[in-house]
Amino acid sequence: MGKSYVTVAVSSGEIIGVNHAHPLQVKIGERVFLCGYASDTAVHPEFRRKGVYRKIVDLKNQIAHSAGVHLNLSVTSNPILIKSHQRNPSMEAFPHEVLNLVKITDIGLHLHNIPVNNPWLMRLGFHAARLINDLRNVTKGRRTPGLTLDVVSISSFDERVDEFCREVASHHDFMVDRGREYLNWRYCDPRAGNFTVRQVEDGEGRVLGYCVLFINRSLRDYPIGYLVDLLTLPERQDVAENLIMDAVHFFDSQEVNIISCLVPGGHPNISALRRYGFLNSRIRLQLFCRYYEIGEAKEKIESSSENRVHFSYGDIDSLPTGMPKNTL
């Protein structure tokens, strides 16, 4: 999928800092641009606040720019990096909000495994959010239908997904460019993780949508489910709903109490996710852009509407190891 670009800082023969990114092909507007995703960065504690981070990042940016990278995407929950990005004039917050939606079956079980300050307040907020969501579904006539389409597990994507991805991309102004090669590399190679891939096809064998699921078991007694990627045509909400219902059934069968997903604000799938009990966690995804070329890519990203943006956990280098304590 292309070579990563890595820069390191060395002192007395020892590595004291590292910054690396991997390339991404991203559809922006009508074109596909070579972009980068900031995979990781680290500086040895004894060498922090000495300009090491700035030097390795500057070198990385020179390498990326010379390689024709148009922009670099960065997602971080590190408060040090967030403050650094916010102060850096060359870094800009992604102009479209990306929501973290969660479905929690038993709030008491969740608070027992992930303690928080003032748990009664979080419990109250959760029940209030669930009530509001239920009322919204009732007043708008939303219901949760049974499975009406065949959802099947697949071990790899075949050539049929290429046409599906091209058709979906035509409805978006921003999304990581997808196809058989990328999807198999990202989700079907065992080295990438133990993902479960579910797909919907029509009677003629055409792909109508897919969903990628993952269970993080780093908390031994409290596994966390992730709806890593959900992709359908915007007008096929029936496909999205069937894939979401199938995902909920899958996680229930694995005794997963909480499911997390990312979705841009205004995305058509939000209604379907709310219908199945997903609530806005109010946790803001810290997504930043560094533009190496100020022009078409920046203009198209800023002018696109949120319902034409696709961004998911699958577009991030790694999944969180747990849920932040201030969920909901």
C-alpha atoms as a PDB file:
ATOM      1  CA  MET A   1       0.000   0.000   0.000  1.00  0.00           C
ATOM      2  CA  GLY A   2       3.021   2.284  -0.357  1.00  0.00           C
ATOM      3  CA  LYS A   3       6.049   2.985   1.797  1.00  0.00           C
ATOM      4  CA  SER A   4       5.780   4.685   5.172  1.00  0.00           C
ATOM      5  CA  TYR A   5       8.064   7.603   5.855  1.00  0.00           C
ATOM      6  CA  VAL A   6       9.918   7.521   9.153  1.00  0.00           C
ATOM      7  CA  THR A   7      12.234  10.001  10.841  1.00  0.00           C
ATOM      8  CA  VAL A   8      14.265   9.363  13.976  1.00  0.00           C
ATOM      9  CA  ALA A   9      16.429  11.429  16.312  1.00  0.00           C
ATOM     10  CA  VAL A  10      19.640   9.860  17.600  1.00  0.00           C
ATOM     11  CA  SER A  11      21.899  10.852  20.484  1.00  0.00           C
ATOM     12  CA  SER A  12      25.108   8.961  21.314  1.00  0.00           C
ATOM     13  CA  GLY A  13      24.017   6.099  19.114  1.00  0.00           C
ATOM     14  CA  GLU A  14      20.630   5.736  20.832  1.00  0.00           C
ATOM     15  CA  ILE A  15      17.240   6.551  19.317  1.00  0.00           C
ATOM     16  CA  ILE A  16      15.637   9.294  21.390  1.00  0.00           C
ATOM     17  CA  GLY A  17      12.718  10.233  19.135  1.00  0.00           C
ATOM     18  CA  VAL A  18      10.668   8.879  16.275  1.00  0.00           C
ATOM     19  CA  ASN A  19       7.893  10.079  14.002  1.00  0.00           C
ATOM     20  CA  HIS A  20       6.334   8.053  11.223  1.00  0.00           C
ATOM     21  CA  ALA A  21       3.390   8.139   8.855  1.00  0.00           C
ATOM     22  CA  HIS A  22       1.950   5.953   6.145  1.00  0.00           C
ATOM     23  CA  PRO A  23       0.482   6.979   2.785  1.00  0.00           C
ATOM     24  CA  LEU A  24      -3.241   7.115   2.087  1.00  0.00           C
ATOM     25  CA  GLN A  25      -5.043   7.678  -1.163  1.00  0.00           C
ATOM     26  CA  VAL A  26      -7.938   9.994  -0.320  1.00  0.00           C
ATOM     27  CA  LYS A  27     -10.761  11.026  -2.641  1.00  0.00           C
ATOM     28  CA  ILE A  28     -11.290  14.766  -2.224  1.00  0.00           C
ATOM     29  CA  GLY A  29     -13.813  16.349  -4.538  1.00  0.00           C
ATOM     30  CA  GLU A  30     -13.518  14.600  -7.896  1.00  0.00           C
ATOM     31  CA  ARG A  31      -9.850  13.625  -7.555  1.00  0.00           C
ATOM     32  CA  VAL A  32      -7.803  11.156  -5.550  1.00  0.00           C
ATOM     33  CA  PHE A  33      -4.898  12.771  -3.701  1.00  0.00           C
ATOM     34  CA  LEU A  34      -1.813  11.235  -2.155  1.00  0.00           C
ATOM     35  CA  CYS A  35      -2.085  11.990   1.552  1.00  0.00           C
ATOM     36  CA  GLY A  36      -0.440  10.769   4.712  1.00  0.00           C
ATOM     37  CA  TYR A  37      -1.660   9.556   8.077  1.00  0.00           C
ATOM     38  CA  ALA A  38       0.459  10.318  11.136  1.00  0.00           C
ATOM     39  CA  SER A  39       0.863   6.882  12.666  1.00  0.00           C
ATOM     40  CA  ASP A  40       2.854   7.615  15.806  1.00  0.00           C
ATOM     41  CA  THR A  41       5.343   9.902  17.478  1.00  0.00           C
ATOM     42  CA  ALA A  42       7.452   9.610  20.608  1.00  0.00           C
ATOM     43  CA  VAL A  43      10.336  11.423  22.319  1.00  0.00           C
ATOM     44  CA  HIS A  44      12.374  10.015  25.190  1.00  0.00           C
ATOM     45  CA  PRO A  45      11.335  11.762  28.447  1.00  0.00           C
ATOM     46  CA  GLU A  46      14.892  13.003  29.088  1.00  0.00           C
ATOM     47  CA  PHE A  47      14.951  14.835  25.738  1.00  0.00           C
ATOM     48  CA  ARG A  48      11.559  16.525  25.811  1.00  0.00           C
ATOM     49  CA  ARG A  49      11.257  20.327  25.640  1.00  0.00           C
ATOM     50  CA  LYS A  50      14.563  20.470  23.762  1.00  0.00           C
ATOM     51  CA  GLY A  51      13.232  20.830  20.231  1.00  0.00           C
ATOM     52  CA  VAL A  52      13.637  17.146  19.302  1.00  0.00           C
ATOM     53  CA  TYR A  53       9.992  16.673  18.349  1.00  0.00           C
ATOM     54  CA  ARG A  54       9.971  19.778  16.167  1.00  0.00           C
ATOM     55  CA  LYS A  55      13.120  18.692  14.301  1.00  0.00           C
ATOM     56  CA  ILE A  56      11.935  15.178  13.471  1.00  0.00           C
ATOM     57  CA  VAL A  57       8.488  16.445  12.446  1.00  0.00           C
ATOM     58  CA  ASP A  58      10.008  19.137  10.224  1.00  0.00           C
ATOM     59  CA  LEU A  59      12.192  16.514   8.520  1.00  0.00           C
ATOM     60  CA  LYS A  60       9.181  14.189   8.100  1.00  0.00           C
ATOM     61  CA  ASN A  61       7.234  17.034   6.520  1.00  0.00           C
ATOM     62  CA  GLN A  62      10.069  17.767   4.085  1.00  0.00           C
ATOM     63  CA  ILE A  63      10.155  14.113   3.035  1.00  0.00           C
ATOM     64  CA  ALA A  64       6.371  13.980   2.625  1.00  0.00           C
ATOM     65  CA  HIS A  65       6.227  17.210   0.627  1.00  0.00           C
ATOM     66  CA  SER A  66       8.988  16.099  -1.713  1.00  0.00           C
ATOM     67  CA  ALA A  67       7.133  12.783  -2.220  1.00  0.00           C
ATOM     68  CA  GLY A  68       4.066  14.648  -3.487  1.00  0.00           C
ATOM     69  CA  VAL A  69       1.903  14.301  -0.379  1.00  0.00           C
ATOM     70  CA  HIS A  70      -0.832  16.954  -0.412  1.00  0.00           C
ATOM     71  CA  LEU A  71      -1.902  16.791   3.210  1.00  0.00           C
ATOM     72  CA  ASN A  72      -1.274  14.837   6.379  1.00  0.00           C
ATOM     73  CA  LEU A  73      -4.046  13.660   8.710  1.00  0.00           C
ATOM     74  CA  SER A  74      -3.465  13.231  12.408  1.00  0.00           C
ATOM     75  CA  VAL A  75      -5.732  11.861  15.127  1.00  0.00           C
ATOM     76  CA  THR A  76      -4.536  12.071  18.709  1.00  0.00           C
ATOM     77  CA  SER A  77      -5.847  11.903  22.257  1.00  0.00           C
ATOM     78  CA  ASN A  78      -2.480  12.947  23.720  1.00  0.00           C
ATOM     79  CA  PRO A  79      -3.068  16.301  25.463  1.00  0.00           C
ATOM     80  CA  ILE A  80       0.538  17.368  24.768  1.00  0.00           C
ATOM     81  CA  LEU A  81       0.136  16.819  21.028  1.00  0.00           C
ATOM     82  CA  ILE A  82      -3.335  18.393  20.984  1.00  0.00           C
ATOM     83  CA  LYS A  83      -1.974  21.592  22.530  1.00  0.00           C
ATOM     84  CA  SER A  84       1.000  21.526  20.175  1.00  0.00           C
ATOM     85  CA  HIS A  85      -1.241  21.131  17.111  1.00  0.00           C
ATOM     86  CA  GLN A  86      -3.592  23.879  18.286  1.00  0.00           C
ATOM     87  CA  ARG A  87      -0.666  26.301  18.654  1.00  0.00           C
ATOM     88  CA  ASN A  88       0.900  25.315  15.341  1.00  0.00           C
ATOM     89  CA  PRO A  89      -0.271  27.637  12.511  1.00  0.00           C
ATOM     90  CA  SER A  90       0.453  24.920   9.927  1.00  0.00           C
ATOM     91  CA  MET A  91      -2.028  22.532  11.601  1.00  0.00           C
ATOM     92  CA  GLU A  92      -5.774  22.984  11.166  1.00  0.00           C
ATOM     93  CA  ALA A  93      -8.648  21.166  12.802  1.00  0.00           C
ATOM     94  CA  PHE A  94     -10.639  19.056  10.339  1.00  0.00           C
ATOM     95  CA  PRO A  95     -13.551  21.343   9.407  1.00  0.00           C
ATOM     96  CA  HIS A  96     -16.256  18.686   9.837  1.00  0.00           C
ATOM     97  CA  GLU A  97     -17.312  17.258  13.176  1.00  0.00           C
ATOM     98  CA  VAL A  98     -16.818  13.522  13.610  1.00  0.00           C
ATOM     99  CA  LEU A  99     -19.111  12.062  16.263  1.00  0.00           C
ATOM    100  CA  ASN A 100     -18.350   9.172  18.583  1.00  0.00           C
ATOM    101  CA  LEU A 101     -21.577   7.200  18.999  1.00  0.00           C
ATOM    102  CA  VAL A 102     -21.842   4.456  21.613  1.00  0.00           C
ATOM    103  CA  LYS A 103     -24.413   1.822  22.463  1.00  0.00           C
ATOM    104  CA  ILE A 104     -24.307   0.710  26.106  1.00  0.00           C
ATOM    105  CA  THR A 105     -26.629  -2.103  27.120  1.00  0.00           C
ATOM    106  CA  ASP A 106     -26.083  -1.974  30.903  1.00  0.00           C
ATOM    107  CA  ILE A 107     -24.841   1.373  32.247  1.00  0.00           C
ATOM    108  CA  GLY A 108     -24.275  -0.130  35.711  1.00  0.00           C
ATOM    109  CA  LEU A 109     -21.958  -2.774  34.285  1.00  0.00           C
ATOM    110  CA  HIS A 110     -20.133  -0.105  32.307  1.00  0.00           C
ATOM    111  CA  LEU A 111     -19.552   2.097  35.369  1.00  0.00           C
ATOM    112  CA  HIS A 112     -18.394  -0.920  37.367  1.00  0.00           C
ATOM    113  CA  ASN A 113     -15.681  -1.725  34.819  1.00  0.00           C
ATOM    114  CA  ILE A 114     -14.747   1.838  33.872  1.00  0.00           C
ATOM    115  CA  PRO A 115     -15.144   3.889  37.073  1.00  0.00           C
ATOM    116  CA  VAL A 116     -15.696   7.636  36.822  1.00  0.00           C
ATOM    117  CA  ASN A 117     -16.041  10.546  39.198  1.00  0.00           C
ATOM    118  CA  ASN A 118     -19.681  11.215  40.101  1.00  0.00           C
ATOM    119  CA  PRO A 119     -21.037   7.971  38.588  1.00  0.00           C
ATOM    120  CA  TRP A 120     -24.588   8.951  39.570  1.00  0.00           C
ATOM    121  CA  LEU A 121     -24.299  11.994  37.319  1.00  0.00           C
ATOM    122  CA  MET A 122     -23.130   9.910  34.372  1.00  0.00           C
ATOM    123  CA  ARG A 123     -25.876   7.362  35.032  1.00  0.00           C
ATOM    124  CA  LEU A 124     -28.454  10.156  35.066  1.00  0.00           C
ATOM    125  CA  GLY A 125     -27.041  11.655  31.865  1.00  0.00           C
ATOM    126  CA  PHE A 126     -27.084   8.270  30.147  1.00  0.00           C
ATOM    127  CA  HIS A 127     -30.712   7.570  30.994  1.00  0.00           C
ATOM    128  CA  ALA A 128     -31.697  11.092  29.939  1.00  0.00           C
ATOM    129  CA  ALA A 129     -29.884  10.683  26.605  1.00  0.00           C
ATOM    130  CA  ARG A 130     -31.513   7.292  26.040  1.00  0.00           C
ATOM    131  CA  LEU A 131     -34.967   8.719  26.820  1.00  0.00           C
ATOM    132  CA  ILE A 132     -34.451  11.631  24.429  1.00  0.00           C
ATOM    133  CA  ASN A 133     -33.278   9.237  21.737  1.00  0.00           C
ATOM    134  CA  ASP A 134     -36.318   6.980  22.265  1.00  0.00           C
ATOM    135  CA  LEU A 135     -38.665   9.968  22.048  1.00  0.00           C
ATOM    136  CA  ARG A 136     -36.929  11.163  18.874  1.00  0.00           C
ATOM    137  CA  ASN A 137     -37.417   7.758  17.295  1.00  0.00           C
ATOM    138  CA  VAL A 138     -41.107   7.708  18.251  1.00  0.00           C
ATOM    139  CA  THR A 139     -41.905  11.237  17.088  1.00  0.00           C
ATOM    140  CA  LYS A 140     -40.155  10.671  13.775  1.00  0.00           C
ATOM    141  CA  GLY A 141     -41.807   7.317  13.243  1.00  0.00           C
ATOM    142  CA  ARG A 142     -38.559   5.402  13.488  1.00  0.00           C
ATOM    143  CA  ARG A 143     -38.688   1.728  14.247  1.00  0.00           C
ATOM    144  CA  THR A 144     -36.263  -1.161  14.270  1.00  0.00           C
ATOM    145  CA  PRO A 145     -37.361  -3.610  11.566  1.00  0.00           C
ATOM    146  CA  GLY A 146     -36.258  -7.212  11.463  1.00  0.00           C
ATOM    147  CA  LEU A 147     -33.527  -8.438   9.175  1.00  0.00           C
ATOM    148  CA  THR A 148     -34.817  -8.309   5.601  1.00  0.00           C
ATOM    149  CA  LEU A 149     -31.549  -8.802   3.696  1.00  0.00           C
ATOM    150  CA  ASP A 150     -29.011 -11.606   3.823  1.00  0.00           C
ATOM    151  CA  VAL A 151     -25.915 -10.522   5.733  1.00  0.00           C
ATOM    152  CA  VAL A 152     -22.989 -12.907   5.194  1.00  0.00           C
ATOM    153  CA  SER A 153     -19.490 -13.225   6.604  1.00  0.00           C
ATOM    154  CA  ILE A 154     -16.602 -12.987   4.156  1.00  0.00           C
ATOM    155  CA  SER A 155     -12.923 -13.756   4.592  1.00  0.00           C
ATOM    156  CA  SER A 156     -11.810 -11.460   1.772  1.00  0.00           C
ATOM    157  CA  PHE A 157     -13.201  -8.898  -0.647  1.00  0.00           C
ATOM    158  CA  ASP A 158     -13.372  -9.866  -4.317  1.00  0.00           C
ATOM    159  CA  GLU A 159     -13.411  -7.794  -7.521  1.00  0.00           C
ATOM    160  CA  ARG A 160     -17.110  -6.971  -7.113  1.00  0.00           C
ATOM    161  CA  VAL A 161     -16.308  -4.540  -4.293  1.00  0.00           C
ATOM    162  CA  ASP A 162     -14.312  -2.312  -6.673  1.00  0.00           C
ATOM    163  CA  GLU A 163     -17.427  -1.214  -8.558  1.00  0.00           C
ATOM    164  CA  PHE A 164     -19.329  -0.770  -5.306  1.00  0.00           C
ATOM    165  CA  CYS A 165     -16.598   1.448  -3.854  1.00  0.00           C
ATOM    166  CA  ARG A 166     -16.436   3.551  -7.022  1.00  0.00           C
ATOM    167  CA  GLU A 167     -20.195   4.112  -6.883  1.00  0.00           C
ATOM    168  CA  VAL A 168     -20.115   5.037  -3.194  1.00  0.00           C
ATOM    169  CA  ALA A 169     -17.168   7.392  -3.747  1.00  0.00           C
ATOM    170  CA  SER A 170     -19.177   9.309  -6.362  1.00  0.00           C
ATOM    171  CA  HIS A 171     -21.487  10.398  -3.526  1.00  0.00           C
ATOM    172  CA  HIS A 172     -18.661  11.679  -1.300  1.00  0.00           C
ATOM    173  CA  ASP A 173     -16.331  14.661  -1.344  1.00  0.00           C
ATOM    174  CA  PHE A 174     -13.982  13.199   1.267  1.00  0.00           C
ATOM    175  CA  MET A 175     -13.211   9.542   1.972  1.00  0.00           C
ATOM    176  CA  VAL A 176     -10.209   7.253   1.973  1.00  0.00           C
ATOM    177  CA  ASP A 177     -10.047   5.661  -1.480  1.00  0.00           C
ATOM    178  CA  ARG A 178     -11.255   2.087  -1.171  1.00  0.00           C
ATOM    179  CA  GLY A 179     -11.091  -0.986  -3.322  1.00  0.00           C
ATOM    180  CA  ARG A 180     -10.364  -4.682  -3.113  1.00  0.00           C
ATOM    181  CA  GLU A 181      -6.618  -4.300  -2.567  1.00  0.00           C
ATOM    182  CA  TYR A 182      -6.938  -1.699   0.180  1.00  0.00           C
ATOM    183  CA  LEU A 183      -9.807  -3.426   2.015  1.00  0.00           C
ATOM    184  CA  ASN A 184      -8.091  -6.819   2.024  1.00  0.00           C
ATOM    185  CA  TRP A 185      -4.891  -5.198   3.318  1.00  0.00           C
ATOM    186  CA  ARG A 186      -6.733  -3.251   5.997  1.00  0.00           C
ATOM    187  CA  TYR A 187      -9.222  -5.827   7.293  1.00  0.00           C
ATOM    188  CA  CYS A 188      -8.486  -9.310   5.936  1.00  0.00           C
ATOM    189  CA  ASP A 189      -4.772  -9.743   6.614  1.00  0.00           C
ATOM    190  CA  PRO A 190      -4.413 -11.528   9.995  1.00  0.00           C
ATOM    191  CA  ARG A 191      -1.493  -9.230  10.817  1.00  0.00           C
ATOM    192  CA  ALA A 192      -3.892  -6.272  10.837  1.00  0.00           C
ATOM    193  CA  GLY A 193      -6.095  -7.745  13.562  1.00  0.00           C
ATOM    194  CA  ASN A 194      -8.955 -10.135  14.090  1.00  0.00           C
ATOM    195  CA  PHE A 195     -11.718  -8.328  12.213  1.00  0.00           C
ATOM    196  CA  THR A 196     -15.130  -9.732  11.373  1.00  0.00           C
ATOM    197  CA  VAL A 197     -16.323  -8.613   7.938  1.00  0.00           C
ATOM    198  CA  ARG A 198     -20.008  -8.787   7.008  1.00  0.00           C
ATOM    199  CA  GLN A 199     -21.416  -8.057   3.566  1.00  0.00           C
ATOM    200  CA  VAL A 200     -24.797  -7.617   1.869  1.00  0.00           C
ATOM    201  CA  GLU A 201     -25.358  -8.581  -1.783  1.00  0.00           C
ATOM    202  CA  ASP A 202     -28.389  -8.359  -4.041  1.00  0.00           C
ATOM    203  CA  GLY A 203     -29.954 -11.239  -5.944  1.00  0.00           C
ATOM    204  CA  GLU A 204     -27.549 -10.733  -8.845  1.00  0.00           C
ATOM    205  CA  GLY A 205     -24.461 -10.872  -6.629  1.00  0.00           C
ATOM    206  CA  ARG A 206     -23.702  -7.155  -6.589  1.00  0.00           C
ATOM    207  CA  VAL A 207     -22.245  -5.781  -3.359  1.00  0.00           C
ATOM    208  CA  LEU A 208     -24.671  -3.431  -1.596  1.00  0.00           C
ATOM    209  CA  GLY A 209     -22.651  -2.714   1.519  1.00  0.00           C
ATOM    210  CA  TYR A 210     -20.270  -4.053   4.122  1.00  0.00           C
ATOM    211  CA  CYS A 211     -19.539  -3.664   7.815  1.00  0.00           C
ATOM    212  CA  VAL A 212     -16.312  -4.394   9.717  1.00  0.00           C
ATOM    213  CA  LEU A 213     -16.474  -5.383  13.395  1.00  0.00           C
ATOM    214  CA  PHE A 214     -13.781  -5.739  16.036  1.00  0.00           C
ATOM    215  CA  ILE A 215     -13.668  -6.688  19.720  1.00  0.00           C
ATOM    216  CA  ASN A 216     -10.941  -5.176  21.880  1.00  0.00           C
ATOM    217  CA  ARG A 217     -10.203  -7.567  24.742  1.00  0.00           C
ATOM    218  CA  SER A 218      -7.414  -5.610  26.410  1.00  0.00           C
ATOM    219  CA  LEU A 219      -9.769  -5.253  29.384  1.00  0.00           C
ATOM    220  CA  ARG A 220     -10.103  -8.967  30.096  1.00  0.00           C
ATOM    221  CA  ASP A 221     -13.440  -8.779  31.903  1.00  0.00           C
ATOM    222  CA  TYR A 222     -14.935  -6.002  29.809  1.00  0.00           C
ATOM    223  CA  PRO A 223     -14.505  -6.409  26.044  1.00  0.00           C
ATOM    224  CA  ILE A 224     -15.302  -3.342  23.936  1.00  0.00           C
ATOM    225  CA  GLY A 225     -16.917  -3.635  20.526  1.00  0.00           C
ATOM    226  CA  TYR A 226     -16.102  -1.401  17.588  1.00  0.00           C
ATOM    227  CA  LEU A 227     -18.138  -0.853  14.487  1.00  0.00           C
ATOM    228  CA  VAL A 228     -14.948  -0.163  12.571  1.00  0.00           C
ATOM    229  CA  ASP A 229     -16.337   0.639   9.133  1.00  0.00           C
ATOM    230  CA  LEU A 230     -19.830   0.740   7.691  1.00  0.00           C
ATOM    231  CA  LEU A 231     -20.233   1.569   4.016  1.00  0.00           C
ATOM    232  CA  THR A 232     -23.387   1.609   1.906  1.00  0.00           C
ATOM    233  CA  LEU A 233     -24.850   3.796  -0.781  1.00  0.00           C
ATOM    234  CA  PRO A 234     -26.536   6.838   0.832  1.00  0.00           C
ATOM    235  CA  GLU A 235     -29.958   5.906  -0.537  1.00  0.00           C
ATOM    236  CA  ARG A 236     -29.727   2.309   0.721  1.00  0.00           C
ATOM    237  CA  GLN A 237     -30.585   2.908   4.352  1.00  0.00           C
ATOM    238  CA  ASP A 238     -32.211  -0.527   4.382  1.00  0.00           C
ATOM    239  CA  VAL A 239     -28.749  -2.018   3.824  1.00  0.00           C
ATOM    240  CA  ALA A 240     -27.227   0.144   6.579  1.00  0.00           C
ATOM    241  CA  GLU A 241     -29.977  -0.834   9.012  1.00  0.00           C
ATOM    242  CA  ASN A 242     -29.558  -4.542   8.329  1.00  0.00           C
ATOM    243  CA  LEU A 243     -25.803  -4.334   8.788  1.00  0.00           C
ATOM    244  CA  ILE A 244     -26.211  -2.386  12.049  1.00  0.00           C
ATOM    245  CA  MET A 245     -28.789  -4.853  13.388  1.00  0.00           C
ATOM    246  CA  ASP A 246     -26.519  -7.739  12.415  1.00  0.00           C
ATOM    247  CA  ALA A 247     -23.613  -6.031  14.215  1.00  0.00           C
ATOM    248  CA  VAL A 248     -25.670  -5.561  17.380  1.00  0.00           C
ATOM    249  CA  HIS A 249     -26.656  -9.249  17.309  1.00  0.00           C
ATOM    250  CA  PHE A 250     -23.009 -10.240  16.816  1.00  0.00           C
ATOM    251  CA  PHE A 251     -21.782  -8.205  19.781  1.00  0.00           C
ATOM    252  CA  ASP A 252     -24.661  -9.419  21.954  1.00  0.00           C
ATOM    253  CA  SER A 253     -23.658 -13.012  21.171  1.00  0.00           C
ATOM    254  CA  GLN A 254     -20.128 -12.181  22.329  1.00  0.00           C
ATOM    255  CA  GLU A 255     -21.442 -10.610  25.577  1.00  0.00           C
ATOM    256  CA  VAL A 256     -20.123  -7.179  24.620  1.00  0.00           C
ATOM    257  CA  ASN A 257     -21.807  -4.446  26.667  1.00  0.00           C
ATOM    258  CA  ILE A 258     -20.574  -1.377  24.786  1.00  0.00           C
ATOM    259  CA  ILE A 259     -20.192  -0.703  21.062  1.00  0.00           C
ATOM    260  CA  SER A 260     -18.397   2.366  19.716  1.00  0.00           C
ATOM    261  CA  CYS A 261     -18.328   3.884  16.236  1.00  0.00           C
ATOM    262  CA  LEU A 262     -17.298   7.083  14.465  1.00  0.00           C
ATOM    263  CA  VAL A 263     -19.509   8.925  12.008  1.00  0.00           C
ATOM    264  CA  PRO A 264     -19.383  12.466  10.589  1.00  0.00           C
ATOM    265  CA  GLY A 265     -22.119  14.786  11.800  1.00  0.00           C
ATOM    266  CA  GLY A 266     -24.946  14.894   9.274  1.00  0.00           C
ATOM    267  CA  HIS A 267     -24.111  11.462   7.838  1.00  0.00           C
ATOM    268  CA  PRO A 268     -27.165   9.485   6.639  1.00  0.00           C
ATOM    269  CA  ASN A 269     -26.251   6.546   8.924  1.00  0.00           C
ATOM    270  CA  ILE A 270     -26.762   8.570  12.110  1.00  0.00           C
ATOM    271  CA  SER A 271     -30.534   8.068  12.011  1.00  0.00           C
ATOM    272  CA  ALA A 272     -30.166   4.315  11.629  1.00  0.00           C
ATOM    273  CA  LEU A 273     -27.593   4.122  14.425  1.00  0.00           C
ATOM    274  CA  ARG A 274     -29.839   6.084  16.780  1.00  0.00           C
ATOM    275  CA  ARG A 275     -32.690   3.762  15.919  1.00  0.00           C
ATOM    276  CA  TYR A 276     -30.631   0.894  17.309  1.00  0.00           C
ATOM    277  CA  GLY A 277     -29.735   2.715  20.514  1.00  0.00           C
ATOM    278  CA  PHE A 278     -26.481   4.471  19.664  1.00  0.00           C
ATOM    279  CA  LEU A 279     -26.015   7.751  21.564  1.00  0.00           C
ATOM    280  CA  ASN A 280     -23.623  10.659  21.134  1.00  0.00           C
ATOM    281  CA  SER A 281     -20.835  10.186  23.706  1.00  0.00           C
ATOM    282  CA  ARG A 282     -19.945  13.912  23.407  1.00  0.00           C
ATOM    283  CA  ILE A 283     -16.299  12.919  23.020  1.00  0.00           C
ATOM    284  CA  ARG A 284     -14.771  15.054  20.284  1.00  0.00           C
ATOM    285  CA  LEU A 285     -12.428  13.348  17.860  1.00  0.00           C
ATOM    286  CA  GLN A 286      -9.241  15.407  17.616  1.00  0.00           C
ATOM    287  CA  LEU A 287      -8.569  15.234  13.872  1.00  0.00           C
ATOM    288  CA  PHE A 288      -6.035  17.647  12.385  1.00  0.00           C
ATOM    289  CA  CYS A 289      -4.848  18.441   8.860  1.00  0.00           C
ATOM    290  CA  ARG A 290      -1.484  19.725   7.694  1.00  0.00           C
ATOM    291  CA  TYR A 291      -1.705  20.957   4.117  1.00  0.00           C
ATOM    292  CA  TYR A 292       1.506  20.746   2.105  1.00  0.00           C
ATOM    293  CA  GLU A 293      -0.233  22.160  -0.943  1.00  0.00           C
ATOM    294  CA  ILE A 294      -2.739  24.968  -0.371  1.00  0.00           C
ATOM    295  CA  GLY A 295      -5.210  24.613  -3.205  1.00  0.00           C
ATOM    296  CA  GLU A 296      -7.864  22.277  -4.505  1.00  0.00           C
ATOM    297  CA  ALA A 297      -7.720  19.683  -1.706  1.00  0.00           C
ATOM    298  CA  LYS A 298      -8.108  22.252   1.070  1.00  0.00           C
ATOM    299  CA  GLU A 299     -10.847  24.099  -0.780  1.00  0.00           C
ATOM    300  CA  LYS A 300     -12.857  20.946  -1.470  1.00  0.00           C
ATOM    301  CA  ILE A 301     -12.595  19.694   2.125  1.00  0.00           C
ATOM    302  CA  GLU A 302     -13.737  23.002   3.560  1.00  0.00           C
ATOM    303  CA  SER A 303     -16.605  23.443   1.093  1.00  0.00           C
ATOM    304  CA  SER A 304     -17.977  19.891   1.295  1.00  0.00           C
ATOM    305  CA  SER A 305     -21.075  19.144   3.349  1.00  0.00           C
ATOM    306  CA  GLU A 306     -20.984  16.720   6.276  1.00  0.00           C
ATOM    307  CA  ASN A 307     -23.335  14.289   4.566  1.00  0.00           C
ATOM    308  CA  ARG A 308     -20.701  13.858   1.825  1.00  0.00           C
ATOM    309  CA  VAL A 309     -17.860  13.010   4.224  1.00  0.00           C
ATOM    310  CA  HIS A 310     -16.970   9.462   5.247  1.00  0.00           C
ATOM    311  CA  PHE A 311     -14.624   8.863   8.167  1.00  0.00           C
ATOM    312  CA  SER A 312     -14.514   5.817  10.420  1.00  0.00           C
ATOM    313  CA  TYR A 313     -12.330   3.947  12.884  1.00  0.00           C
ATOM    314  CA  GLY A 314     -10.945   2.042   9.901  1.00  0.00           C
ATOM    315  CA  ASP A 315      -9.333   5.258   8.661  1.00  0.00           C
ATOM    316  CA  ILE A 316      -7.319   5.530  11.883  1.00  0.00           C
ATOM    317  CA  ASP A 317      -4.062   3.669  12.322  1.00  0.00           C
ATOM    318  CA  SER A 318      -5.141   1.917  15.521  1.00  0.00           C
ATOM    319  CA  LEU A 319      -8.197   1.515  17.719  1.00  0.00           C
ATOM    320  CA  PRO A 320      -8.361   2.908  21.262  1.00  0.00           C
ATOM    321  CA  THR A 321      -7.526   0.362  23.968  1.00  0.00           C
ATOM    322  CA  GLY A 322     -10.465   1.482  26.090  1.00  0.00           C
ATOM    323  CA  MET A 323     -13.244   4.019  26.396  1.00  0.00           C
ATOM    324  CA  PRO A 324     -12.455   7.467  27.842  1.00  0.00           C
ATOM    325  CA  LYS A 325     -13.821   7.899  31.340  1.00  0.00           C
ATOM    326  CA  ASN A 326     -15.999  10.846  30.377  1.00  0.00           C
ATOM    327  CA  THR A 327     -18.094   8.862  27.908  1.00  0.00           C
ATOM    328  CA  LEU A 328     -21.579  10.383  27.895  1.00  0.00           C
END
